[in-house]
């Protein structure tokens, strides 16, 4: 069926794995808040903790995971590290996720045929 489509292109295994890993890392409310704050400009762990409503140690652990995944980067200045979003792709991911969240009706979902709402 799909193989008959001339422009059908399935992502390779590495792309799928890396995308799934990025989504897994973004599947945490604190990480979303931290990333959103970093998209507004670079920040320290203490400031991010305050903005996210989390303990600095927890935010530091989240940042370490996000840095290893290439979603954030750090810049050392003396004894402080200032974090920022790694690139504009992070902004795109978060904007799309938040846009989608704004348009979800958590109580019902449209029937594929466009008829009545079906309870989840």
PDB file of N, CA and C in Angstrom:
ATOM      1  N   UNK A   1       0.819  -1.182   0.000  1.00  0.00           N
ATOM      2  CA  UNK A   1       0.000   0.000   0.000  1.00  0.00           C
ATOM      3  C   UNK A   1       0.872   1.258   0.000  1.00  0.00           C
ATOM      4  N   UNK A   2       1.612   1.524   1.089  1.00  0.00           N
ATOM      5  CA  UNK A   2       2.464   2.703   1.146  1.00  0.00           C
ATOM      6  C   UNK A   2       3.644   2.610   0.183  1.00  0.00           C
ATOM      7  N   UNK A   3       4.120   1.415  -0.043  1.00  0.00           N
ATOM      8  CA  UNK A   3       5.279   1.259  -0.928  1.00  0.00           C
ATOM      9  C   UNK A   3       4.948   1.646  -2.360  1.00  0.00           C
ATOM     10  N   UNK A   4       3.676   1.713  -2.694  1.00  0.00           N
ATOM     11  CA  UNK A   4       3.302   2.122  -4.046  1.00  0.00           C
ATOM     12  C   UNK A   4       3.349   3.646  -4.215  1.00  0.00           C
ATOM     13  N   UNK A   5       3.484   4.384  -3.127  1.00  0.00           N
ATOM     14  CA  UNK A   5       3.580   5.839  -3.202  1.00  0.00           C
ATOM     15  C   UNK A   5       5.014   6.225  -3.541  1.00  0.00           C
ATOM     16  N   UNK A   6       5.187   6.940  -4.617  1.00  0.00           N
ATOM     17  CA  UNK A   6       6.534   7.262  -5.090  1.00  0.00           C
ATOM     18  C   UNK A   6       7.304   8.176  -4.135  1.00  0.00           C
ATOM     19  N   UNK A   7       6.610   9.032  -3.388  1.00  0.00           N
ATOM     20  CA  UNK A   7       7.309   9.963  -2.513  1.00  0.00           C
ATOM     21  C   UNK A   7       7.276   9.542  -1.041  1.00  0.00           C
ATOM     22  N   UNK A   8       6.854   8.317  -0.768  1.00  0.00           N
ATOM     23  CA  UNK A   8       6.822   7.836   0.614  1.00  0.00           C
ATOM     24  C   UNK A   8       8.239   7.577   1.101  1.00  0.00           C
ATOM     25  N   UNK A   9       8.569   8.139   2.253  1.00  0.00           N
ATOM     26  CA  UNK A   9       9.920   8.010   2.792  1.00  0.00           C
ATOM     27  C   UNK A   9       9.831   7.779   4.296  1.00  0.00           C
ATOM     28  N   UNK A  10      10.169   6.592   4.722  1.00  0.00           N
ATOM     29  CA  UNK A  10      10.154   6.238   6.136  1.00  0.00           C
ATOM     30  C   UNK A  10      11.476   6.677   6.764  1.00  0.00           C
ATOM     31  N   UNK A  11      11.439   7.276   7.977  1.00  0.00           N
ATOM     32  CA  UNK A  11      12.703   7.651   8.621  1.00  0.00           C
ATOM     33  C   UNK A  11      13.522   6.410   8.962  1.00  0.00           C
ATOM     34  N   UNK A  12      14.845   6.583   9.008  1.00  0.00           N
ATOM     35  CA  UNK A  12      15.688   5.435   9.338  1.00  0.00           C
ATOM     36  C   UNK A  12      15.651   5.173  10.843  1.00  0.00           C
ATOM     37  N   UNK A  13      16.194   4.040  11.261  1.00  0.00           N
ATOM     38  CA  UNK A  13      16.130   3.622  12.658  1.00  0.00           C
ATOM     39  C   UNK A  13      16.805   4.620  13.601  1.00  0.00           C
ATOM     40  N   UNK A  14      17.935   5.173  13.194  1.00  0.00           N
ATOM     41  CA  UNK A  14      18.630   6.135  14.047  1.00  0.00           C
ATOM     42  C   UNK A  14      17.792   7.391  14.250  1.00  0.00           C
ATOM     43  N   UNK A  15      17.173   7.893  13.180  1.00  0.00           N
ATOM     44  CA  UNK A  15      16.317   9.072  13.297  1.00  0.00           C
ATOM     45  C   UNK A  15      15.157   8.802  14.244  1.00  0.00           C
ATOM     46  N   UNK A  16      14.535   7.641  14.101  1.00  0.00           N
ATOM     47  CA  UNK A  16      13.400   7.281  14.949  1.00  0.00           C
ATOM     48  C   UNK A  16      13.838   7.193  16.406  1.00  0.00           C
ATOM     49  N   UNK A  17      14.975   6.554  16.658  1.00  0.00           N
ATOM     50  CA  UNK A  17      15.480   6.413  18.018  1.00  0.00           C
ATOM     51  C   UNK A  17      15.779   7.774  18.639  1.00  0.00           C
ATOM     52  N   UNK A  18      16.465   8.642  17.897  1.00  0.00           N
ATOM     53  CA  UNK A  18      16.821   9.953  18.426  1.00  0.00           C
ATOM     54  C   UNK A  18      15.594  10.826  18.655  1.00  0.00           C
ATOM     55  N   UNK A  19      14.614  10.751  17.766  1.00  0.00           N
ATOM     56  CA  UNK A  19      13.380  11.516  17.948  1.00  0.00           C
ATOM     57  C   UNK A  19      12.631  11.024  19.189  1.00  0.00           C
ATOM     58  N   UNK A  20      12.548   9.709  19.350  1.00  0.00           N
ATOM     59  CA  UNK A  20      11.870   9.148  20.522  1.00  0.00           C
ATOM     60  C   UNK A  20      12.581   9.572  21.808  1.00  0.00           C
ATOM     61  N   UNK A  21      13.895   9.590  21.791  1.00  0.00           N
ATOM     62  CA  UNK A  21      14.662  10.003  22.965  1.00  0.00           C
ATOM     63  C   UNK A  21      14.400  11.475  23.285  1.00  0.00           C
ATOM     64  N   UNK A  22      14.335  12.316  22.271  1.00  0.00           N
ATOM     65  CA  UNK A  22      14.034  13.734  22.500  1.00  0.00           C
ATOM     66  C   UNK A  22      12.646  13.897  23.107  1.00  0.00           C
ATOM     67  N   UNK A  23      11.669  13.168  22.568  1.00  0.00           N
ATOM     68  CA  UNK A  23      10.318  13.250  23.124  1.00  0.00           C
ATOM     69  C   UNK A  23      10.274  12.722  24.551  1.00  0.00           C
ATOM     70  N   UNK A  24      11.033  11.673  24.829  1.00  0.00           N
ATOM     71  CA  UNK A  24      11.072  11.121  26.182  1.00  0.00           C
ATOM     72  C   UNK A  24      11.606  12.176  27.155  1.00  0.00           C
ATOM     73  N   UNK A  25      12.649  12.878  26.753  1.00  0.00           N
ATOM     74  CA  UNK A  25      13.220  13.899  27.615  1.00  0.00           C
ATOM     75  C   UNK A  25      12.293  15.101  27.784  1.00  0.00           C
ATOM     76  N   UNK A  26      11.475  15.364  26.795  1.00  0.00           N
ATOM     77  CA  UNK A  26      10.544  16.490  26.880  1.00  0.00           C
ATOM     78  C   UNK A  26       9.262  16.125  27.618  1.00  0.00           C
ATOM     79  N   UNK A  27       9.104  14.866  27.970  1.00  0.00           N
ATOM     80  CA  UNK A  27       7.878  14.395  28.618  1.00  0.00           C
ATOM     81  C   UNK A  27       7.927  14.619  30.126  1.00  0.00           C
ATOM     82  N   UNK A  28       8.319  15.818  30.529  1.00  0.00           N
ATOM     83  CA  UNK A  28       8.401  16.168  31.943  1.00  0.00           C
ATOM     84  C   UNK A  28       8.049  17.645  32.087  1.00  0.00           C
ATOM     85  N   UNK A  29       7.065  17.987  32.918  1.00  0.00           N
ATOM     86  CA  UNK A  29       6.653  19.389  33.046  1.00  0.00           C
ATOM     87  C   UNK A  29       7.778  20.332  33.469  1.00  0.00           C
ATOM     88  N   UNK A  30       8.637  19.900  34.379  1.00  0.00           N
ATOM     89  CA  UNK A  30       9.740  20.769  34.808  1.00  0.00           C
ATOM     90  C   UNK A  30      10.693  21.039  33.653  1.00  0.00           C
ATOM     91  N   UNK A  31      10.998  20.011  32.869  1.00  0.00           N
ATOM     92  CA  UNK A  31      11.906  20.210  31.730  1.00  0.00           C
ATOM     93  C   UNK A  31      11.295  21.150  30.702  1.00  0.00           C
ATOM     94  N   UNK A  32       9.995  21.054  30.488  1.00  0.00           N
ATOM     95  CA  UNK A  32       9.333  21.957  29.541  1.00  0.00           C
ATOM     96  C   UNK A  32       9.434  23.396  30.047  1.00  0.00           C
ATOM     97  N   UNK A  33       9.194  23.603  31.328  1.00  0.00           N
ATOM     98  CA  UNK A  33       9.302  24.955  31.894  1.00  0.00           C
ATOM     99  C   UNK A  33      10.735  25.481  31.777  1.00  0.00           C
ATOM    100  N   UNK A  34      11.692  24.635  32.096  1.00  0.00           N
ATOM    101  CA  UNK A  34      13.103  25.037  32.023  1.00  0.00           C
ATOM    102  C   UNK A  34      13.476  25.392  30.589  1.00  0.00           C
ATOM    103  N   UNK A  35      13.103  24.555  29.649  1.00  0.00           N
ATOM    104  CA  UNK A  35      13.429  24.838  28.246  1.00  0.00           C
ATOM    105  C   UNK A  35      12.743  26.108  27.762  1.00  0.00           C
ATOM    106  N   UNK A  36      11.493  26.289  28.148  1.00  0.00           N
ATOM    107  CA  UNK A  36      10.777  27.493  27.715  1.00  0.00           C
ATOM    108  C   UNK A  36      11.479  28.741  28.260  1.00  0.00           C
ATOM    109  N   UNK A  37      11.902  28.680  29.526  1.00  0.00           N
ATOM    110  CA  UNK A  37      12.624  29.812  30.108  1.00  0.00           C
ATOM    111  C   UNK A  37      13.934  30.055  29.358  1.00  0.00           C
ATOM    112  N   UNK A  38      14.633  28.986  28.997  1.00  0.00           N
ATOM    113  CA  UNK A  38      15.901  29.128  28.283  1.00  0.00           C
ATOM    114  C   UNK A  38      15.711  29.676  26.877  1.00  0.00           C
ATOM    115  N   UNK A  39      14.554  29.482  26.308  1.00  0.00           N
ATOM    116  CA  UNK A  39      14.285  30.039  24.985  1.00  0.00           C
ATOM    117  C   UNK A  39      14.104  31.555  25.045  1.00  0.00           C
ATOM    118  N   UNK A  40      13.879  32.075  26.258  1.00  0.00           N
ATOM    119  CA  UNK A  40      13.763  33.522  26.436  1.00  0.00           C
ATOM    120  C   UNK A  40      15.142  34.151  26.643  1.00  0.00           C
ATOM    121  N   UNK A  41      16.134  33.321  26.951  1.00  0.00           N
ATOM    122  CA  UNK A  41      17.494  33.810  27.166  1.00  0.00           C
ATOM    123  C   UNK A  41      18.232  32.911  28.134  1.00  0.00           C
ATOM    124  N   UNK A  42      19.541  33.056  28.192  1.00  0.00           N
ATOM    125  CA  UNK A  42      20.321  32.174  29.057  1.00  0.00           C
ATOM    126  C   UNK A  42      20.036  32.476  30.519  1.00  0.00           C
ATOM    127  N   UNK A  43      20.275  31.454  31.349  1.00  0.00           N
ATOM    128  CA  UNK A  43      19.932  31.587  32.749  1.00  0.00           C
ATOM    129  C   UNK A  43      20.761  30.644  33.602  1.00  0.00           C
ATOM    130  N   UNK A  44      20.788  30.919  34.895  1.00  0.00           N
ATOM    131  CA  UNK A  44      21.487  30.066  35.860  1.00  0.00           C
ATOM    132  C   UNK A  44      20.517  29.032  36.434  1.00  0.00           C
ATOM    133  N   UNK A  45      21.070  28.046  37.095  1.00  0.00           N
ATOM    134  CA  UNK A  45      20.247  27.005  37.723  1.00  0.00           C
ATOM    135  C   UNK A  45      19.309  27.622  38.753  1.00  0.00           C
ATOM    136  N   UNK A  46      19.823  28.532  39.578  1.00  0.00           N
ATOM    137  CA  UNK A  46      18.995  29.139  40.629  1.00  0.00           C
ATOM    138  C   UNK A  46      17.797  29.877  40.044  1.00  0.00           C
ATOM    139  N   UNK A  47      18.027  30.636  38.996  1.00  0.00           N
ATOM    140  CA  UNK A  47      16.932  31.380  38.351  1.00  0.00           C
ATOM    141  C   UNK A  47      15.939  30.420  37.714  1.00  0.00           C
ATOM    142  N   UNK A  48      16.435  29.396  37.037  1.00  0.00           N
ATOM    143  CA  UNK A  48      15.558  28.409  36.401  1.00  0.00           C
ATOM    144  C   UNK A  48      14.727  27.663  37.439  1.00  0.00           C
ATOM    145  N   UNK A  49      15.334  27.358  38.582  1.00  0.00           N
ATOM    146  CA  UNK A  49      14.611  26.662  39.648  1.00  0.00           C
ATOM    147  C   UNK A  49      13.450  27.513  40.140  1.00  0.00           C
ATOM    148  N   UNK A  50      13.699  28.798  40.294  1.00  0.00           N
ATOM    149  CA  UNK A  50      12.635  29.699  40.736  1.00  0.00           C
ATOM    150  C   UNK A  50      11.520  29.778  39.692  1.00  0.00           C
ATOM    151  N   UNK A  51      11.892  29.930  38.441  1.00  0.00           N
ATOM    152  CA  UNK A  51      10.899  30.024  37.370  1.00  0.00           C
ATOM    153  C   UNK A  51      10.076  28.748  37.220  1.00  0.00           C
ATOM    154  N   UNK A  52      10.732  27.594  37.393  1.00  0.00           N
ATOM    155  CA  UNK A  52      10.051  26.310  37.214  1.00  0.00           C
ATOM    156  C   UNK A  52       9.353  25.831  38.476  1.00  0.00           C
ATOM    157  N   UNK A  53       9.608  26.503  39.602  1.00  0.00           N
ATOM    158  CA  UNK A  53       9.004  26.071  40.857  1.00  0.00           C
ATOM    159  C   UNK A  53       9.542  24.732  41.324  1.00  0.00           C
ATOM    160  N   UNK A  54      10.838  24.543  41.158  1.00  0.00           N
ATOM    161  CA  UNK A  54      11.484  23.281  41.516  1.00  0.00           C
ATOM    162  C   UNK A  54      12.756  23.565  42.308  1.00  0.00           C
ATOM    163  N   UNK A  55      13.258  22.534  42.961  1.00  0.00           N
ATOM    164  CA  UNK A  55      14.502  22.663  43.722  1.00  0.00           C
ATOM    165  C   UNK A  55      15.684  22.802  42.761  1.00  0.00           C
ATOM    166  N   UNK A  56      16.675  23.616  43.127  1.00  0.00           N
ATOM    167  CA  UNK A  56      17.847  23.767  42.262  1.00  0.00           C
ATOM    168  C   UNK A  56      18.536  22.442  41.936  1.00  0.00           C
ATOM    169  N   UNK A  57      18.592  21.521  42.902  1.00  0.00           N
ATOM    170  CA  UNK A  57      19.232  20.229  42.621  1.00  0.00           C
ATOM    171  C   UNK A  57      18.470  19.449  41.559  1.00  0.00           C
ATOM    172  N   UNK A  58      17.146  19.510  41.602  1.00  0.00           N
ATOM    173  CA  UNK A  58      16.332  18.818  40.594  1.00  0.00           C
ATOM    174  C   UNK A  58      16.535  19.453  39.221  1.00  0.00           C
ATOM    175  N   UNK A  59      16.546  20.786  39.178  1.00  0.00           N
ATOM    176  CA  UNK A  59      16.742  21.487  37.905  1.00  0.00           C
ATOM    177  C   UNK A  59      18.123  21.172  37.345  1.00  0.00           C
ATOM    178  N   UNK A  60      19.113  21.108  38.197  1.00  0.00           N
ATOM    179  CA  UNK A  60      20.468  20.773  37.765  1.00  0.00           C
ATOM    180  C   UNK A  60      20.510  19.381  37.131  1.00  0.00           C
ATOM    181  N   UNK A  61      19.810  18.432  37.724  1.00  0.00           N
ATOM    182  CA  UNK A  61      19.750  17.077  37.158  1.00  0.00           C
ATOM    183  C   UNK A  61      19.033  17.075  35.816  1.00  0.00           C
ATOM    184  N   UNK A  62      17.939  17.827  35.717  1.00  0.00           N
ATOM    185  CA  UNK A  62      17.217  17.925  34.443  1.00  0.00           C
ATOM    186  C   UNK A  62      18.115  18.541  33.373  1.00  0.00           C
ATOM    187  N   UNK A  63      18.841  19.596  33.732  1.00  0.00           N
ATOM    188  CA  UNK A  63      19.730  20.260  32.774  1.00  0.00           C
ATOM    189  C   UNK A  63      20.831  19.326  32.289  1.00  0.00           C
ATOM    190  N   UNK A  64      21.349  18.506  33.179  1.00  0.00           N
ATOM    191  CA  UNK A  64      22.393  17.564  32.780  1.00  0.00           C
ATOM    192  C   UNK A  64      21.877  16.608  31.714  1.00  0.00           C
ATOM    193  N   UNK A  65      20.666  16.108  31.890  1.00  0.00           N
ATOM    194  CA  UNK A  65      20.073  15.195  30.900  1.00  0.00           C
ATOM    195  C   UNK A  65      19.790  15.921  29.586  1.00  0.00           C
ATOM    196  N   UNK A  66      19.261  17.125  29.687  1.00  0.00           N
ATOM    197  CA  UNK A  66      18.964  17.904  28.482  1.00  0.00           C
ATOM    198  C   UNK A  66      20.235  18.276  27.734  1.00  0.00           C
ATOM    199  N   UNK A  67      21.308  18.535  28.470  1.00  0.00           N
ATOM    200  CA  UNK A  67      22.593  18.861  27.836  1.00  0.00           C
ATOM    201  C   UNK A  67      23.152  17.647  27.109  1.00  0.00           C
ATOM    202  N   UNK A  68      23.088  16.486  27.747  1.00  0.00           N
ATOM    203  CA  UNK A  68      23.576  15.257  27.101  1.00  0.00           C
ATOM    204  C   UNK A  68      22.787  14.934  25.838  1.00  0.00           C
ATOM    205  N   UNK A  69      21.527  15.300  25.810  1.00  0.00           N
ATOM    206  CA  UNK A  69      20.687  15.050  24.638  1.00  0.00           C
ATOM    207  C   UNK A  69      20.856  16.121  23.570  1.00  0.00           C
ATOM    208  N   UNK A  70      21.656  17.148  23.858  1.00  0.00           N
ATOM    209  CA  UNK A  70      21.891  18.196  22.873  1.00  0.00           C
ATOM    210  C   UNK A  70      20.773  19.225  22.790  1.00  0.00           C
ATOM    211  N   UNK A  71      19.905  19.278  23.810  1.00  0.00           N
ATOM    212  CA  UNK A  71      18.807  20.236  23.792  1.00  0.00           C
ATOM    213  C   UNK A  71      19.166  21.559  24.461  1.00  0.00           C
ATOM    214  N   UNK A  72      20.144  21.538  25.367  1.00  0.00           N
ATOM    215  CA  UNK A  72      20.645  22.767  25.988  1.00  0.00           C
ATOM    216  C   UNK A  72      22.165  22.764  25.959  1.00  0.00           C
ATOM    217  N   UNK A  73      22.732  23.943  26.148  1.00  0.00           N
ATOM    218  CA  UNK A  73      24.185  24.063  26.242  1.00  0.00           C
ATOM    219  C   UNK A  73      24.511  24.972  27.417  1.00  0.00           C
ATOM    220  N   UNK A  74      25.717  24.806  27.946  1.00  0.00           N
ATOM    221  CA  UNK A  74      26.141  25.601  29.084  1.00  0.00           C
ATOM    222  C   UNK A  74      27.351  26.442  28.752  1.00  0.00           C
ATOM    223  N   UNK A  75      27.438  27.599  29.429  1.00  0.00           N
ATOM    224  CA  UNK A  75      28.571  28.504  29.280  1.00  0.00           C
ATOM    225  C   UNK A  75      29.079  28.832  30.679  1.00  0.00           C
ATOM    226  N   UNK A  76      30.328  28.486  30.944  1.00  0.00           N
ATOM    227  CA  UNK A  76      30.907  28.710  32.273  1.00  0.00           C
ATOM    228  C   UNK A  76      31.453  30.130  32.362  1.00  0.00           C
ATOM    229  N   UNK A  77      31.117  30.776  33.472  1.00  0.00           N
ATOM    230  CA  UNK A  77      31.648  32.105  33.768  1.00  0.00           C
ATOM    231  C   UNK A  77      32.044  32.101  35.240  1.00  0.00           C
ATOM    232  N   UNK A  78      33.316  31.927  35.498  1.00  0.00           N
ATOM    233  CA  UNK A  78      33.795  31.789  36.875  1.00  0.00           C
ATOM    234  C   UNK A  78      33.275  30.483  37.463  1.00  0.00           C
ATOM    235  N   UNK A  79      32.582  30.592  38.579  1.00  0.00           N
ATOM    236  CA  UNK A  79      32.032  29.390  39.210  1.00  0.00           C
ATOM    237  C   UNK A  79      30.598  29.112  38.779  1.00  0.00           C
ATOM    238  N   UNK A  80      30.034  29.983  37.959  1.00  0.00           N
ATOM    239  CA  UNK A  80      28.654  29.817  37.510  1.00  0.00           C
ATOM    240  C   UNK A  80      28.597  29.228  36.112  1.00  0.00           C
ATOM    241  N   UNK A  81      27.514  28.490  35.852  1.00  0.00           N
ATOM    242  CA  UNK A  81      27.230  28.001  34.511  1.00  0.00           C
ATOM    243  C   UNK A  81      25.902  28.620  34.091  1.00  0.00           C
ATOM    244  N   UNK A  82      25.905  29.208  32.913  1.00  0.00           N
ATOM    245  CA  UNK A  82      24.694  29.795  32.356  1.00  0.00           C
ATOM    246  C   UNK A  82      24.240  28.913  31.198  1.00  0.00           C
ATOM    247  N   UNK A  83      22.988  28.535  31.232  1.00  0.00           N
ATOM    248  CA  UNK A  83      22.438  27.613  30.245  1.00  0.00           C
ATOM    249  C   UNK A  83      21.601  28.360  29.223  1.00  0.00           C
ATOM    250  N   UNK A  84      21.535  27.780  28.031  1.00  0.00           N
ATOM    251  CA  UNK A  84      20.675  28.308  26.973  1.00  0.00           C
ATOM    252  C   UNK A  84      20.192  27.135  26.129  1.00  0.00           C
ATOM    253  N   UNK A  85      19.145  27.380  25.350  1.00  0.00           N
ATOM    254  CA  UNK A  85      18.647  26.354  24.425  1.00  0.00           C
ATOM    255  C   UNK A  85      19.715  26.114  23.371  1.00  0.00           C
ATOM    256  N   UNK A  86      19.853  24.883  22.944  1.00  0.00           N
ATOM    257  CA  UNK A  86      20.916  24.526  22.012  1.00  0.00           C
ATOM    258  C   UNK A  86      20.722  25.154  20.633  1.00  0.00           C
ATOM    259  N   UNK A  87      19.483  25.232  20.176  1.00  0.00           N
ATOM    260  CA  UNK A  87      19.232  25.769  18.833  1.00  0.00           C
ATOM    261  C   UNK A  87      17.750  26.067  18.640  1.00  0.00           C
ATOM    262  N   UNK A  88      17.395  26.570  17.475  1.00  0.00           N
ATOM    263  CA  UNK A  88      15.999  26.926  17.185  1.00  0.00           C
ATOM    264  C   UNK A  88      15.093  25.712  17.032  1.00  0.00           C
ATOM    265  N   UNK A  89      15.678  24.536  16.828  1.00  0.00           N
ATOM    266  CA  UNK A  89      14.842  23.332  16.736  1.00  0.00           C
ATOM    267  C   UNK A  89      14.109  23.078  18.043  1.00  0.00           C
ATOM    268  N   UNK A  90      14.759  23.385  19.163  1.00  0.00           N
ATOM    269  CA  UNK A  90      14.134  23.222  20.475  1.00  0.00           C
ATOM    270  C   UNK A  90      12.909  24.129  20.564  1.00  0.00           C
ATOM    271  N   UNK A  91      13.045  25.359  20.091  1.00  0.00           N
ATOM    272  CA  UNK A  91      11.924  26.296  20.079  1.00  0.00           C
ATOM    273  C   UNK A  91      10.769  25.735  19.254  1.00  0.00           C
ATOM    274  N   UNK A  92      11.084  25.198  18.081  1.00  0.00           N
ATOM    275  CA  UNK A  92      10.048  24.621  17.229  1.00  0.00           C
ATOM    276  C   UNK A  92       9.315  23.474  17.891  1.00  0.00           C
ATOM    277  N   UNK A  93      10.067  22.582  18.532  1.00  0.00           N
ATOM    278  CA  UNK A  93       9.457  21.445  19.224  1.00  0.00           C
ATOM    279  C   UNK A  93       8.508  21.916  20.319  1.00  0.00           C
ATOM    280  N   UNK A  94       8.972  22.830  21.148  1.00  0.00           N
ATOM    281  CA  UNK A  94       8.142  23.289  22.252  1.00  0.00           C
ATOM    282  C   UNK A  94       6.936  24.079  21.780  1.00  0.00           C
ATOM    283  N   UNK A  95       7.134  24.944  20.797  1.00  0.00           N
ATOM    284  CA  UNK A  95       5.992  25.714  20.282  1.00  0.00           C
ATOM    285  C   UNK A  95       4.916  24.792  19.730  1.00  0.00           C
ATOM    286  N   UNK A  96       5.332  23.771  18.973  1.00  0.00           N
ATOM    287  CA  UNK A  96       4.360  22.839  18.417  1.00  0.00           C
ATOM    288  C   UNK A  96       3.644  22.056  19.517  1.00  0.00           C
ATOM    289  N   UNK A  97       4.387  21.609  20.522  1.00  0.00           N
ATOM    290  CA  UNK A  97       3.788  20.848  21.623  1.00  0.00           C
ATOM    291  C   UNK A  97       2.798  21.717  22.402  1.00  0.00           C
ATOM    292  N   UNK A  98       3.171  22.955  22.685  1.00  0.00           N
ATOM    293  CA  UNK A  98       2.283  23.844  23.432  1.00  0.00           C
ATOM    294  C   UNK A  98       1.086  24.266  22.592  1.00  0.00           C
ATOM    295  N   UNK A  99       1.284  24.483  21.306  1.00  0.00           N
ATOM    296  CA  UNK A  99       0.175  24.799  20.400  1.00  0.00           C
ATOM    297  C   UNK A  99      -0.813  23.636  20.381  1.00  0.00           C
ATOM    298  N   UNK A 100      -0.291  22.433  20.284  1.00  0.00           N
ATOM    299  CA  UNK A 100      -1.138  21.236  20.297  1.00  0.00           C
ATOM    300  C   UNK A 100      -1.901  21.146  21.622  1.00  0.00           C
ATOM    301  N   UNK A 101      -1.217  21.406  22.732  1.00  0.00           N
ATOM    302  CA  UNK A 101      -1.859  21.350  24.046  1.00  0.00           C
ATOM    303  C   UNK A 101      -2.992  22.362  24.148  1.00  0.00           C
ATOM    304  N   UNK A 102      -2.819  23.534  23.549  1.00  0.00           N
ATOM    305  CA  UNK A 102      -3.868  24.557  23.567  1.00  0.00           C
ATOM    306  C   UNK A 102      -5.114  24.125  22.801  1.00  0.00           C
ATOM    307  N   UNK A 103      -4.958  23.193  21.876  1.00  0.00           N
ATOM    308  CA  UNK A 103      -6.070  22.810  21.015  1.00  0.00           C
ATOM    309  C   UNK A 103      -6.632  21.431  21.311  1.00  0.00           C
ATOM    310  N   UNK A 104      -6.205  20.837  22.401  1.00  0.00           N
ATOM    311  CA  UNK A 104      -6.737  19.533  22.785  1.00  0.00           C
ATOM    312  C   UNK A 104      -7.953  19.738  23.669  1.00  0.00           C
ATOM    313  N   UNK A 105      -9.006  19.059  23.338  1.00  0.00           N
ATOM    314  CA  UNK A 105     -10.162  19.008  24.222  1.00  0.00           C
ATOM    315  C   UNK A 105      -9.991  17.725  25.017  1.00  0.00           C
ATOM    316  N   UNK A 106      -9.618  17.851  26.264  1.00  0.00           N
ATOM    317  CA  UNK A 106      -9.291  16.684  27.087  1.00  0.00           C
ATOM    318  C   UNK A 106     -10.499  15.827  27.435  1.00  0.00           C
ATOM    319  N   UNK A 107     -11.697  16.293  27.155  1.00  0.00           N
ATOM    320  CA  UNK A 107     -12.892  15.545  27.531  1.00  0.00           C
ATOM    321  C   UNK A 107     -13.518  14.780  26.381  1.00  0.00           C
ATOM    322  N   UNK A 108     -13.201  15.170  25.165  1.00  0.00           N
ATOM    323  CA  UNK A 108     -13.780  14.465  24.030  1.00  0.00           C
ATOM    324  C   UNK A 108     -12.847  14.566  22.835  1.00  0.00           C
ATOM    325  N   UNK A 109     -13.107  13.695  21.889  1.00  0.00           N
ATOM    326  CA  UNK A 109     -12.317  13.686  20.663  1.00  0.00           C
ATOM    327  C   UNK A 109     -13.294  13.528  19.502  1.00  0.00           C
ATOM    328  N   UNK A 110     -13.042  14.244  18.431  1.00  0.00           N
ATOM    329  CA  UNK A 110     -13.923  14.154  17.275  1.00  0.00           C
ATOM    330  C   UNK A 110     -13.896  12.762  16.668  1.00  0.00           C
ATOM    331  N   UNK A 111     -15.048  12.306  16.270  1.00  0.00           N
ATOM    332  CA  UNK A 111     -15.155  11.053  15.529  1.00  0.00           C
ATOM    333  C   UNK A 111     -14.468  11.264  14.191  1.00  0.00           C
ATOM    334  N   UNK A 112     -13.660  10.299  13.708  1.00  0.00           N
ATOM    335  CA  UNK A 112     -12.971  10.473  12.424  1.00  0.00           C
ATOM    336  C   UNK A 112     -13.910  10.830  11.277  1.00  0.00           C
ATOM    337  N   UNK A 113     -15.161  10.427  11.383  1.00  0.00           N
ATOM    338  CA  UNK A 113     -16.115  10.728  10.324  1.00  0.00           C
ATOM    339  C   UNK A 113     -16.680  12.137  10.482  1.00  0.00           C
ATOM    340  N   UNK A 114     -16.318  12.820  11.597  1.00  0.00           N
ATOM    341  CA  UNK A 114     -16.789  14.186  11.799  1.00  0.00           C
ATOM    342  C   UNK A 114     -18.145  14.240  12.458  1.00  0.00           C
ATOM    343  N   UNK A 115     -18.621  13.118  12.989  1.00  0.00           N
ATOM    344  CA  UNK A 115     -19.918  13.085  13.641  1.00  0.00           C
ATOM    345  C   UNK A 115     -19.812  13.608  15.065  1.00  0.00           C
ATOM    346  N   UNK A 116     -20.430  12.949  15.989  1.00  0.00           N
ATOM    347  CA  UNK A 116     -20.485  13.410  17.368  1.00  0.00           C
ATOM    348  C   UNK A 116     -19.169  13.156  18.103  1.00  0.00           C
ATOM    349  N   UNK A 117     -19.039  13.809  19.245  1.00  0.00           N
ATOM    350  CA  UNK A 117     -17.858  13.614  20.083  1.00  0.00           C
ATOM    351  C   UNK A 117     -17.954  12.263  20.776  1.00  0.00           C
ATOM    352  N   UNK A 118     -16.821  11.641  20.948  1.00  0.00           N
ATOM    353  CA  UNK A 118     -16.744  10.346  21.592  1.00  0.00           C
ATOM    354  C   UNK A 118     -15.960  10.534  22.888  1.00  0.00           C
ATOM    355  N   UNK A 119     -16.485  10.044  23.993  1.00  0.00           N
ATOM    356  CA  UNK A 119     -15.776  10.171  25.277  1.00  0.00           C
ATOM    357  C   UNK A 119     -14.526   9.355  25.260  1.00  0.00           C
ATOM    358  N   UNK A 120     -13.481   9.863  25.899  1.00  0.00           N
ATOM    359  CA  UNK A 120     -12.210   9.141  25.999  1.00  0.00           C
ATOM    360  C   UNK A 120     -12.281   8.061  27.034  1.00  0.00           C
TER     361      UNK A 120
END
